[in-house]
Amino acid sequence: MQVTYGRLEDFMLNPPLHQVTVAILATNDPPELTGQALAWIRNRWPRCCIAVVADAGKGASELTARMGGANFLARPVTDDEWAGLFSRLDLGNNKERVFRKNSHCGK
């Protein structure tokens, strides 16, 4: 199941009820808000793989992502970068479906 939210606040106020395997935060929010979201996700789903996608040159966003235990991808994200992220996950038969659904992100 894929769920999409337009804002980090919406995600935290109305989270999915099921286990989350992957969270992709495509954001230009302030690092403080991103850091709060990362801590919240880590607390709720400790084994969730998190990727933060932000514009290149956003050093504070990259630092916040890494300090929050997330992967950082700079826009535009290439297909190889998406493939690298998903290759680290154990998604079984869902890997290709998830990759195809998210390959448009960051382009």
PDB file of N, CA and C in Angstrom:
ATOM      1  N   MET A   1       0.842  -1.177   0.000  1.00  0.00           N
ATOM      2  CA  MET A   1       0.000   0.000   0.000  1.00  0.00           C
ATOM      3  C   MET A   1       0.885   1.237   0.000  1.00  0.00           C
ATOM      4  N   GLN A   2       0.569   2.172  -0.845  1.00  0.00           N
ATOM      5  CA  GLN A   2       1.294   3.428  -0.909  1.00  0.00           C
ATOM      6  C   GLN A   2       0.359   4.543  -0.472  1.00  0.00           C
ATOM      7  N   VAL A   3       0.839   5.397   0.422  1.00  0.00           N
ATOM      8  CA  VAL A   3       0.066   6.531   0.896  1.00  0.00           C
ATOM      9  C   VAL A   3       0.897   7.778   0.643  1.00  0.00           C
ATOM     10  N   THR A   4       0.281   8.827   0.129  1.00  0.00           N
ATOM     11  CA  THR A   4       0.997  10.057  -0.179  1.00  0.00           C
ATOM     12  C   THR A   4       0.388  11.206   0.617  1.00  0.00           C
ATOM     13  N   TYR A   5       1.263  12.001   1.197  1.00  0.00           N
ATOM     14  CA  TYR A   5       0.845  13.189   1.939  1.00  0.00           C
ATOM     15  C   TYR A   5       1.518  14.404   1.312  1.00  0.00           C
ATOM     16  N   GLY A   6       0.837  15.525   1.303  1.00  0.00           N
ATOM     17  CA  GLY A   6       1.396  16.741   0.735  1.00  0.00           C
ATOM     18  C   GLY A   6       2.319  17.488   1.678  1.00  0.00           C
ATOM     19  N   ARG A   7       2.128  17.293   2.983  1.00  0.00           N
ATOM     20  CA  ARG A   7       2.935  18.023   3.965  1.00  0.00           C
ATOM     21  C   ARG A   7       3.336  17.090   5.098  1.00  0.00           C
ATOM     22  N   LEU A   8       4.492  17.369   5.697  1.00  0.00           N
ATOM     23  CA  LEU A   8       4.954  16.561   6.827  1.00  0.00           C
ATOM     24  C   LEU A   8       3.963  16.610   7.980  1.00  0.00           C
ATOM     25  N   GLU A   9       3.370  17.778   8.213  1.00  0.00           N
ATOM     26  CA  GLU A   9       2.413  17.911   9.308  1.00  0.00           C
ATOM     27  C   GLU A   9       1.232  16.966   9.123  1.00  0.00           C
ATOM     28  N   ASP A  10       0.755  16.842   7.883  1.00  0.00           N
ATOM     29  CA  ASP A  10      -0.370  15.947   7.607  1.00  0.00           C
ATOM     30  C   ASP A  10      -0.005  14.499   7.914  1.00  0.00           C
ATOM     31  N   PHE A  11       1.213  14.124   7.566  1.00  0.00           N
ATOM     32  CA  PHE A  11       1.691  12.763   7.814  1.00  0.00           C
ATOM     33  C   PHE A  11       1.720  12.466   9.312  1.00  0.00           C
ATOM     34  N   MET A  12       2.201  13.423  10.100  1.00  0.00           N
ATOM     35  CA  MET A  12       2.322  13.194  11.540  1.00  0.00           C
ATOM     36  C   MET A  12       0.970  13.274  12.252  1.00  0.00           C
ATOM     37  N   LEU A  13       0.050  14.087  11.742  1.00  0.00           N
ATOM     38  CA  LEU A  13      -1.262  14.226  12.379  1.00  0.00           C
ATOM     39  C   LEU A  13      -2.239  13.123  11.984  1.00  0.00           C
ATOM     40  N   ASN A  14      -2.052  12.543  10.813  1.00  0.00           N
ATOM     41  CA  ASN A  14      -2.961  11.516  10.314  1.00  0.00           C
ATOM     42  C   ASN A  14      -2.149  10.373   9.700  1.00  0.00           C
ATOM     43  N   PRO A  15      -1.386   9.655  10.524  1.00  0.00           N
ATOM     44  CA  PRO A  15      -0.481   8.630   9.991  1.00  0.00           C
ATOM     45  C   PRO A  15      -1.228   7.382   9.536  1.00  0.00           C
ATOM     46  N   PRO A  16      -0.600   6.613   8.654  1.00  0.00           N
ATOM     47  CA  PRO A  16      -1.195   5.328   8.284  1.00  0.00           C
ATOM     48  C   PRO A  16      -1.225   4.407   9.496  1.00  0.00           C
ATOM     49  N   LEU A  17      -2.206   3.538   9.552  1.00  0.00           N
ATOM     50  CA  LEU A  17      -2.355   2.645  10.696  1.00  0.00           C
ATOM     51  C   LEU A  17      -1.530   1.377  10.557  1.00  0.00           C
ATOM     52  N   HIS A  18      -1.072   1.077   9.352  1.00  0.00           N
ATOM     53  CA  HIS A  18      -0.302  -0.136   9.115  1.00  0.00           C
ATOM     54  C   HIS A  18       1.198   0.126   9.309  1.00  0.00           C
ATOM     55  N   GLN A  19       1.967  -0.942   9.311  1.00  0.00           N
ATOM     56  CA  GLN A  19       3.421  -0.841   9.398  1.00  0.00           C
ATOM     57  C   GLN A  19       3.954  -0.139   8.151  1.00  0.00           C
ATOM     58  N   VAL A  20       4.850   0.805   8.332  1.00  0.00           N
ATOM     59  CA  VAL A  20       5.461   1.516   7.215  1.00  0.00           C
ATOM     60  C   VAL A  20       6.858   0.952   6.994  1.00  0.00           C
ATOM     61  N   THR A  21       7.134   0.507   5.763  1.00  0.00           N
ATOM     62  CA  THR A  21       8.431  -0.062   5.421  1.00  0.00           C
ATOM     63  C   THR A  21       9.368   0.999   4.878  1.00  0.00           C
ATOM     64  N   VAL A  22       8.836   1.908   4.071  1.00  0.00           N
ATOM     65  CA  VAL A  22       9.636   2.953   3.440  1.00  0.00           C
ATOM     66  C   VAL A  22       8.903   4.278   3.578  1.00  0.00           C
ATOM     67  N   ALA A  23       9.619   5.309   3.997  1.00  0.00           N
ATOM     68  CA  ALA A  23       9.072   6.665   4.034  1.00  0.00           C
ATOM     69  C   ALA A  23       9.985   7.546   3.193  1.00  0.00           C
ATOM     70  N   ILE A  24       9.415   8.181   2.189  1.00  0.00           N
ATOM     71  CA  ILE A  24      10.176   9.092   1.342  1.00  0.00           C
ATOM     72  C   ILE A  24       9.658  10.492   1.618  1.00  0.00           C
ATOM     73  N   LEU A  25      10.519  11.323   2.177  1.00  0.00           N
ATOM     74  CA  LEU A  25      10.144  12.692   2.500  1.00  0.00           C
ATOM     75  C   LEU A  25      10.740  13.603   1.436  1.00  0.00           C
ATOM     76  N   ALA A  26       9.935  13.998   0.464  1.00  0.00           N
ATOM     77  CA  ALA A  26      10.367  14.935  -0.569  1.00  0.00           C
ATOM     78  C   ALA A  26       9.994  16.312  -0.066  1.00  0.00           C
ATOM     79  N   THR A  27      10.973  17.019   0.457  1.00  0.00           N
ATOM     80  CA  THR A  27      10.647  18.199   1.236  1.00  0.00           C
ATOM     81  C   THR A  27      11.589  19.360   0.988  1.00  0.00           C
ATOM     82  N   ASN A  28      11.083  20.530   1.169  1.00  0.00           N
ATOM     83  CA  ASN A  28      11.889  21.741   1.259  1.00  0.00           C
ATOM     84  C   ASN A  28      11.558  22.438   2.574  1.00  0.00           C
ATOM     85  N   ASP A  29      11.041  21.656   3.518  1.00  0.00           N
ATOM     86  CA  ASP A  29      10.702  22.196   4.827  1.00  0.00           C
ATOM     87  C   ASP A  29      11.970  22.572   5.581  1.00  0.00           C
ATOM     88  N   PRO A  30      11.836  23.417   6.594  1.00  0.00           N
ATOM     89  CA  PRO A  30      12.996  23.759   7.414  1.00  0.00           C
ATOM     90  C   PRO A  30      13.579  22.497   8.061  1.00  0.00           C
ATOM     91  N   PRO A  31      14.897  22.456   8.231  1.00  0.00           N
ATOM     92  CA  PRO A  31      15.527  21.280   8.839  1.00  0.00           C
ATOM     93  C   PRO A  31      14.937  20.908  10.200  1.00  0.00           C
ATOM     94  N   GLU A  32      14.469  21.894  10.963  1.00  0.00           N
ATOM     95  CA  GLU A  32      13.895  21.601  12.276  1.00  0.00           C
ATOM     96  C   GLU A  32      12.650  20.725  12.140  1.00  0.00           C
ATOM     97  N   LEU A  33      11.789  21.058  11.180  1.00  0.00           N
ATOM     98  CA  LEU A  33      10.572  20.272  10.967  1.00  0.00           C
ATOM     99  C   LEU A  33      10.916  18.889  10.427  1.00  0.00           C
ATOM    100  N   THR A  34      11.872  18.827   9.515  1.00  0.00           N
ATOM    101  CA  THR A  34      12.309  17.532   8.990  1.00  0.00           C
ATOM    102  C   THR A  34      12.876  16.675  10.111  1.00  0.00           C
ATOM    103  N   GLY A  35      13.671  17.276  10.988  1.00  0.00           N
ATOM    104  CA  GLY A  35      14.235  16.542  12.124  1.00  0.00           C
ATOM    105  C   GLY A  35      13.155  16.012  13.051  1.00  0.00           C
ATOM    106  N   GLN A  36      12.122  16.819  13.300  1.00  0.00           N
ATOM    107  CA  GLN A  36      11.006  16.365  14.133  1.00  0.00           C
ATOM    108  C   GLN A  36      10.288  15.191  13.476  1.00  0.00           C
ATOM    109  N   ALA A  37      10.078  15.281  12.162  1.00  0.00           N
ATOM    110  CA  ALA A  37       9.400  14.202  11.440  1.00  0.00           C
ATOM    111  C   ALA A  37      10.231  12.924  11.477  1.00  0.00           C
ATOM    112  N   LEU A  38      11.540  13.048  11.298  1.00  0.00           N
ATOM    113  CA  LEU A  38      12.410  11.867  11.342  1.00  0.00           C
ATOM    114  C   LEU A  38      12.360  11.201  12.712  1.00  0.00           C
ATOM    115  N   ALA A  39      12.432  11.995  13.770  1.00  0.00           N
ATOM    116  CA  ALA A  39      12.372  11.435  15.128  1.00  0.00           C
ATOM    117  C   ALA A  39      11.023  10.759  15.371  1.00  0.00           C
ATOM    118  N   TRP A  40       9.957  11.382  14.891  1.00  0.00           N
ATOM    119  CA  TRP A  40       8.617  10.821  15.059  1.00  0.00           C
ATOM    120  C   TRP A  40       8.498   9.487  14.324  1.00  0.00           C
ATOM    121  N   ILE A  41       8.981   9.436  13.072  1.00  0.00           N
ATOM    122  CA  ILE A  41       8.928   8.192  12.294  1.00  0.00           C
ATOM    123  C   ILE A  41       9.757   7.114  12.973  1.00  0.00           C
ATOM    124  N   ARG A  42      10.960   7.452  13.415  1.00  0.00           N
ATOM    125  CA  ARG A  42      11.843   6.488  14.085  1.00  0.00           C
ATOM    126  C   ARG A  42      11.190   5.925  15.346  1.00  0.00           C
ATOM    127  N   ASN A  43      10.487   6.763  16.081  1.00  0.00           N
ATOM    128  CA  ASN A  43       9.815   6.316  17.299  1.00  0.00           C
ATOM    129  C   ASN A  43       8.650   5.380  16.970  1.00  0.00           C
ATOM    130  N   ARG A  44       7.895   5.721  15.940  1.00  0.00           N
ATOM    131  CA  ARG A  44       6.696   4.948  15.593  1.00  0.00           C
ATOM    132  C   ARG A  44       7.020   3.664  14.829  1.00  0.00           C
ATOM    133  N   TRP A  45       7.968   3.735  13.890  1.00  0.00           N
ATOM    134  CA  TRP A  45       8.361   2.583  13.060  1.00  0.00           C
ATOM    135  C   TRP A  45       9.883   2.479  13.049  1.00  0.00           C
ATOM    136  N   PRO A  46      10.483   1.914  14.094  1.00  0.00           N
ATOM    137  CA  PRO A  46      11.945   1.910  14.228  1.00  0.00           C
ATOM    138  C   PRO A  46      12.690   1.258  13.066  1.00  0.00           C
ATOM    139  N   ARG A  47      12.081   0.309  12.389  1.00  0.00           N
ATOM    140  CA  ARG A  47      12.777  -0.405  11.308  1.00  0.00           C
ATOM    141  C   ARG A  47      12.484   0.180   9.923  1.00  0.00           C
ATOM    142  N   CYS A  48      11.771   1.272   9.872  1.00  0.00           N
ATOM    143  CA  CYS A  48      11.403   1.899   8.608  1.00  0.00           C
ATOM    144  C   CYS A  48      12.632   2.508   7.925  1.00  0.00           C
ATOM    145  N   CYS A  49      12.766   2.255   6.632  1.00  0.00           N
ATOM    146  CA  CYS A  49      13.810   2.900   5.837  1.00  0.00           C
ATOM    147  C   CYS A  49      13.291   4.281   5.438  1.00  0.00           C
ATOM    148  N   ILE A  50      14.087   5.303   5.692  1.00  0.00           N
ATOM    149  CA  ILE A  50      13.655   6.669   5.401  1.00  0.00           C
ATOM    150  C   ILE A  50      14.623   7.303   4.410  1.00  0.00           C
ATOM    151  N   ALA A  51      14.070   7.977   3.428  1.00  0.00           N
ATOM    152  CA  ALA A  51      14.866   8.766   2.492  1.00  0.00           C
ATOM    153  C   ALA A  51      14.324  10.189   2.493  1.00  0.00           C
ATOM    154  N   VAL A  52      15.230  11.148   2.570  1.00  0.00           N
ATOM    155  CA  VAL A  52      14.869  12.556   2.467  1.00  0.00           C
ATOM    156  C   VAL A  52      15.345  13.035   1.099  1.00  0.00           C
ATOM    157  N   VAL A  53      14.426  13.588   0.317  1.00  0.00           N
ATOM    158  CA  VAL A  53      14.751  14.119  -1.002  1.00  0.00           C
ATOM    159  C   VAL A  53      14.610  15.631  -0.925  1.00  0.00           C
ATOM    160  N   ALA A  54      15.691  16.337  -1.243  1.00  0.00           N
ATOM    161  CA  ALA A  54      15.664  17.799  -1.204  1.00  0.00           C
ATOM    162  C   ALA A  54      16.538  18.327  -2.335  1.00  0.00           C
ATOM    163  N   ASP A  55      16.476  19.616  -2.556  1.00  0.00           N
ATOM    164  CA  ASP A  55      17.277  20.223  -3.611  1.00  0.00           C
ATOM    165  C   ASP A  55      18.761  20.093  -3.299  1.00  0.00           C
ATOM    166  N   ALA A  56      19.560  19.952  -4.352  1.00  0.00           N
ATOM    167  CA  ALA A  56      21.011  19.892  -4.191  1.00  0.00           C
ATOM    168  C   ALA A  56      21.496  21.193  -3.554  1.00  0.00           C
ATOM    169  N   GLY A  57      22.542  21.105  -2.780  1.00  0.00           N
ATOM    170  CA  GLY A  57      23.086  22.286  -2.130  1.00  0.00           C
ATOM    171  C   GLY A  57      22.433  22.616  -0.806  1.00  0.00           C
ATOM    172  N   LYS A  58      21.513  21.784  -0.367  1.00  0.00           N
ATOM    173  CA  LYS A  58      20.836  21.991   0.918  1.00  0.00           C
ATOM    174  C   LYS A  58      21.613  21.244   1.998  1.00  0.00           C
ATOM    175  N   GLY A  59      22.742  21.779   2.392  1.00  0.00           N
ATOM    176  CA  GLY A  59      23.601  21.113   3.371  1.00  0.00           C
ATOM    177  C   GLY A  59      22.899  20.836   4.684  1.00  0.00           C
ATOM    178  N   ALA A  60      22.074  21.774   5.140  1.00  0.00           N
ATOM    179  CA  ALA A  60      21.369  21.577   6.408  1.00  0.00           C
ATOM    180  C   ALA A  60      20.372  20.425   6.298  1.00  0.00           C
ATOM    181  N   SER A  61      19.725  20.289   5.143  1.00  0.00           N
ATOM    182  CA  SER A  61      18.780  19.181   4.953  1.00  0.00           C
ATOM    183  C   SER A  61      19.505  17.848   4.948  1.00  0.00           C
ATOM    184  N   GLU A  62      20.662  17.801   4.281  1.00  0.00           N
ATOM    185  CA  GLU A  62      21.426  16.554   4.248  1.00  0.00           C
ATOM    186  C   GLU A  62      21.916  16.188   5.641  1.00  0.00           C
ATOM    187  N   LEU A  63      22.427  17.154   6.378  1.00  0.00           N
ATOM    188  CA  LEU A  63      22.905  16.903   7.739  1.00  0.00           C
ATOM    189  C   LEU A  63      21.764  16.414   8.630  1.00  0.00           C
ATOM    190  N   THR A  64      20.607  17.057   8.538  1.00  0.00           N
ATOM    191  CA  THR A  64      19.445  16.641   9.327  1.00  0.00           C
ATOM    192  C   THR A  64      19.035  15.216   8.982  1.00  0.00           C
ATOM    193  N   ALA A  65      19.025  14.895   7.685  1.00  0.00           N
ATOM    194  CA  ALA A  65      18.657  13.542   7.255  1.00  0.00           C
ATOM    195  C   ALA A  65      19.616  12.517   7.841  1.00  0.00           C
ATOM    196  N   ARG A  66      20.894  12.765   7.698  1.00  0.00           N
ATOM    197  CA  ARG A  66      21.891  11.794   8.166  1.00  0.00           C
ATOM    198  C   ARG A  66      21.866  11.660   9.690  1.00  0.00           C
ATOM    199  N   MET A  67      21.696  12.774  10.393  1.00  0.00           N
ATOM    200  CA  MET A  67      21.629  12.712  11.861  1.00  0.00           C
ATOM    201  C   MET A  67      20.376  11.974  12.316  1.00  0.00           C
ATOM    202  N   GLY A  68      19.319  12.008  11.506  1.00  0.00           N
ATOM    203  CA  GLY A  68      18.076  11.311  11.821  1.00  0.00           C
ATOM    204  C   GLY A  68      18.057   9.874  11.330  1.00  0.00           C
ATOM    205  N   GLY A  69      19.196   9.392  10.833  1.00  0.00           N
ATOM    206  CA  GLY A  69      19.281   8.007  10.384  1.00  0.00           C
ATOM    207  C   GLY A  69      18.622   7.750   9.047  1.00  0.00           C
ATOM    208  N   ALA A  70      18.490   8.793   8.230  1.00  0.00           N
ATOM    209  CA  ALA A  70      17.834   8.655   6.929  1.00  0.00           C
ATOM    210  C   ALA A  70      18.856   8.736   5.801  1.00  0.00           C
ATOM    211  N   ASN A  71      18.484   8.199   4.664  1.00  0.00           N
ATOM    212  CA  ASN A  71      19.258   8.380   3.440  1.00  0.00           C
ATOM    213  C   ASN A  71      18.933   9.763   2.901  1.00  0.00           C
ATOM    214  N   PHE A  72      19.886  10.374   2.203  1.00  0.00           N
ATOM    215  CA  PHE A  72      19.636  11.673   1.587  1.00  0.00           C
ATOM    216  C   PHE A  72      19.838  11.547   0.089  1.00  0.00           C
ATOM    217  N   LEU A  73      18.873  12.031  -0.673  1.00  0.00           N
ATOM    218  CA  LEU A  73      18.956  12.053  -2.126  1.00  0.00           C
ATOM    219  C   LEU A  73      18.715  13.481  -2.593  1.00  0.00           C
ATOM    220  N   ALA A  74      19.610  13.981  -3.460  1.00  0.00           N
ATOM    221  CA  ALA A  74      19.473  15.339  -3.981  1.00  0.00           C
ATOM    222  C   ALA A  74      18.707  15.305  -5.298  1.00  0.00           C
ATOM    223  N   ARG A  75      17.795  16.248  -5.463  1.00  0.00           N
ATOM    224  CA  ARG A  75      17.050  16.372  -6.713  1.00  0.00           C
ATOM    225  C   ARG A  75      17.974  16.869  -7.814  1.00  0.00           C
ATOM    226  N   PRO A  76      17.785  16.428  -9.027  1.00  0.00           N
ATOM    227  CA  PRO A  76      16.881  15.364  -9.446  1.00  0.00           C
ATOM    228  C   PRO A  76      17.480  13.998  -9.116  1.00  0.00           C
ATOM    229  N   VAL A  77      16.649  13.097  -8.628  1.00  0.00           N
ATOM    230  CA  VAL A  77      17.094  11.754  -8.253  1.00  0.00           C
ATOM    231  C   VAL A  77      17.090  10.881  -9.506  1.00  0.00           C
ATOM    232  N   THR A  78      18.223  10.235  -9.762  1.00  0.00           N
ATOM    233  CA  THR A  78      18.328   9.381 -10.949  1.00  0.00           C
ATOM    234  C   THR A  78      17.718   8.012 -10.669  1.00  0.00           C
ATOM    235  N   ASP A  79      17.422   7.294 -11.737  1.00  0.00           N
ATOM    236  CA  ASP A  79      16.906   5.929 -11.594  1.00  0.00           C
ATOM    237  C   ASP A  79      17.903   5.050 -10.847  1.00  0.00           C
ATOM    238  N   ASP A  80      19.202   5.247 -11.104  1.00  0.00           N
ATOM    239  CA  ASP A  80      20.225   4.458 -10.407  1.00  0.00           C
ATOM    240  C   ASP A  80      20.224   4.736  -8.906  1.00  0.00           C
ATOM    241  N   GLU A  81      19.988   5.989  -8.515  1.00  0.00           N
ATOM    242  CA  GLU A  81      19.926   6.311  -7.084  1.00  0.00           C
ATOM    243  C   GLU A  81      18.712   5.656  -6.429  1.00  0.00           C
ATOM    244  N   TRP A  82      17.555   5.688  -7.118  1.00  0.00           N
ATOM    245  CA  TRP A  82      16.372   5.006  -6.582  1.00  0.00           C
ATOM    246  C   TRP A  82      16.645   3.518  -6.465  1.00  0.00           C
ATOM    247  N   ALA A  83      17.253   2.939  -7.505  1.00  0.00           N
ATOM    248  CA  ALA A  83      17.554   1.505  -7.490  1.00  0.00           C
ATOM    249  C   ALA A  83      18.491   1.165  -6.338  1.00  0.00           C
ATOM    250  N   GLY A  84      19.482   2.015  -6.080  1.00  0.00           N
ATOM    251  CA  GLY A  84      20.400   1.786  -4.968  1.00  0.00           C
ATOM    252  C   GLY A  84      19.690   1.811  -3.627  1.00  0.00           C
ATOM    253  N   LEU A  85      18.777   2.760  -3.465  1.00  0.00           N
ATOM    254  CA  LEU A  85      18.013   2.842  -2.219  1.00  0.00           C
ATOM    255  C   LEU A  85      17.179   1.587  -2.020  1.00  0.00           C
ATOM    256  N   PHE A  86      16.432   1.191  -3.040  1.00  0.00           N
ATOM    257  CA  PHE A  86      15.538   0.048  -2.900  1.00  0.00           C
ATOM    258  C   PHE A  86      16.273  -1.282  -2.869  1.00  0.00           C
ATOM    259  N   SER A  87      17.497  -1.329  -3.391  1.00  0.00           N
ATOM    260  CA  SER A  87      18.253  -2.584  -3.335  1.00  0.00           C
ATOM    261  C   SER A  87      18.653  -2.924  -1.902  1.00  0.00           C
ATOM    262  N   ARG A  88      18.695  -1.925  -1.033  1.00  0.00           N
ATOM    263  CA  ARG A  88      19.036  -2.171   0.374  1.00  0.00           C
ATOM    264  C   ARG A  88      17.837  -2.652   1.184  1.00  0.00           C
ATOM    265  N   LEU A  89      16.674  -2.686   0.573  1.00  0.00           N
ATOM    266  CA  LEU A  89      15.462  -3.097   1.270  1.00  0.00           C
ATOM    267  C   LEU A  89      15.106  -4.520   0.918  1.00  0.00           C
ATOM    268  N   ASP A  90      14.427  -5.181   1.822  1.00  0.00           N
ATOM    269  CA  ASP A  90      13.923  -6.522   1.555  1.00  0.00           C
ATOM    270  C   ASP A  90      12.434  -6.404   1.255  1.00  0.00           C
ATOM    271  N   LEU A  91      12.134  -6.020   0.026  1.00  0.00           N
ATOM    272  CA  LEU A  91      10.738  -5.835  -0.360  1.00  0.00           C
ATOM    273  C   LEU A  91      10.181  -7.042  -1.099  1.00  0.00           C
ATOM    274  N   GLY A  92      11.000  -8.055  -1.293  1.00  0.00           N
ATOM    275  CA  GLY A  92      10.544  -9.264  -1.969  1.00  0.00           C
ATOM    276  C   GLY A  92       9.965  -8.959  -3.333  1.00  0.00           C
ATOM    277  N   ASN A  93       8.800  -9.500  -3.620  1.00  0.00           N
ATOM    278  CA  ASN A  93       8.159  -9.320  -4.927  1.00  0.00           C
ATOM    279  C   ASN A  93       7.651  -7.905  -5.144  1.00  0.00           C
ATOM    280  N   ASN A  94       7.603  -7.095  -4.101  1.00  0.00           N
ATOM    281  CA  ASN A  94       7.076  -5.741  -4.238  1.00  0.00           C
ATOM    282  C   ASN A  94       8.124  -4.743  -4.706  1.00  0.00           C
ATOM    283  N   LYS A  95       9.401  -5.149  -4.767  1.00  0.00           N
ATOM    284  CA  LYS A  95      10.465  -4.199  -5.075  1.00  0.00           C
ATOM    285  C   LYS A  95      10.222  -3.474  -6.401  1.00  0.00           C
ATOM    286  N   GLU A  96       9.944  -4.207  -7.466  1.00  0.00           N
ATOM    287  CA  GLU A  96       9.752  -3.566  -8.765  1.00  0.00           C
ATOM    288  C   GLU A  96       8.520  -2.675  -8.768  1.00  0.00           C
ATOM    289  N   ARG A  97       7.449  -3.107  -8.135  1.00  0.00           N
ATOM    290  CA  ARG A  97       6.225  -2.302  -8.086  1.00  0.00           C
ATOM    291  C   ARG A  97       6.471  -0.998  -7.345  1.00  0.00           C
ATOM    292  N   VAL A  98       7.160  -1.071  -6.207  1.00  0.00           N
ATOM    293  CA  VAL A  98       7.444   0.136  -5.427  1.00  0.00           C
ATOM    294  C   VAL A  98       8.371   1.046  -6.206  1.00  0.00           C
ATOM    295  N   PHE A  99       9.399   0.482  -6.843  1.00  0.00           N
ATOM    296  CA  PHE A  99      10.338   1.301  -7.603  1.00  0.00           C
ATOM    297  C   PHE A  99       9.611   2.032  -8.728  1.00  0.00           C
ATOM    298  N   ARG A 100       8.763   1.331  -9.461  1.00  0.00           N
ATOM    299  CA  ARG A 100       8.054   1.965 -10.570  1.00  0.00           C
ATOM    300  C   ARG A 100       7.146   3.086 -10.079  1.00  0.00           C
ATOM    301  N   LYS A 101       6.483   2.878  -8.954  1.00  0.00           N
ATOM    302  CA  LYS A 101       5.567   3.898  -8.443  1.00  0.00           C
ATOM    303  C   LYS A 101       6.310   5.149  -7.999  1.00  0.00           C
ATOM    304  N   ASN A 102       7.563   5.009  -7.564  1.00  0.00           N
ATOM    305  CA  ASN A 102       8.293   6.142  -7.014  1.00  0.00           C
ATOM    306  C   ASN A 102       9.371   6.677  -7.939  1.00  0.00           C
ATOM    307  N   SER A 103       9.563   6.081  -9.109  1.00  0.00           N
ATOM    308  CA  SER A 103      10.670   6.493  -9.962  1.00  0.00           C
ATOM    309  C   SER A 103      10.483   7.903 -10.519  1.00  0.00           C
ATOM    310  N   HIS A 104       9.272   8.432 -10.499  1.00  0.00           N
ATOM    311  CA  HIS A 104       9.029   9.783 -10.996  1.00  0.00           C
ATOM    312  C   HIS A 104       9.436  10.853  -9.993  1.00  0.00           C
ATOM    313  N   CYS A 105       9.629  10.491  -8.739  1.00  0.00           N
ATOM    314  CA  CYS A 105       9.910  11.480  -7.696  1.00  0.00           C
ATOM    315  C   CYS A 105      11.232  12.179  -7.973  1.00  0.00           C
ATOM    316  N   GLY A 106      11.260  13.461  -7.798  1.00  0.00           N
ATOM    317  CA  GLY A 106      12.489  14.225  -7.931  1.00  0.00           C
ATOM    318  C   GLY A 106      12.853  14.587  -9.358  1.00  0.00           C
ATOM    319  N   LYS A 107      12.011  14.257 -10.317  1.00  0.00           N
ATOM    320  CA  LYS A 107      12.336  14.602 -11.708  1.00  0.00           C
ATOM    321  C   LYS A 107      11.593  15.845 -12.119  1.00  0.00           C
TER     322      LYS A 107
END
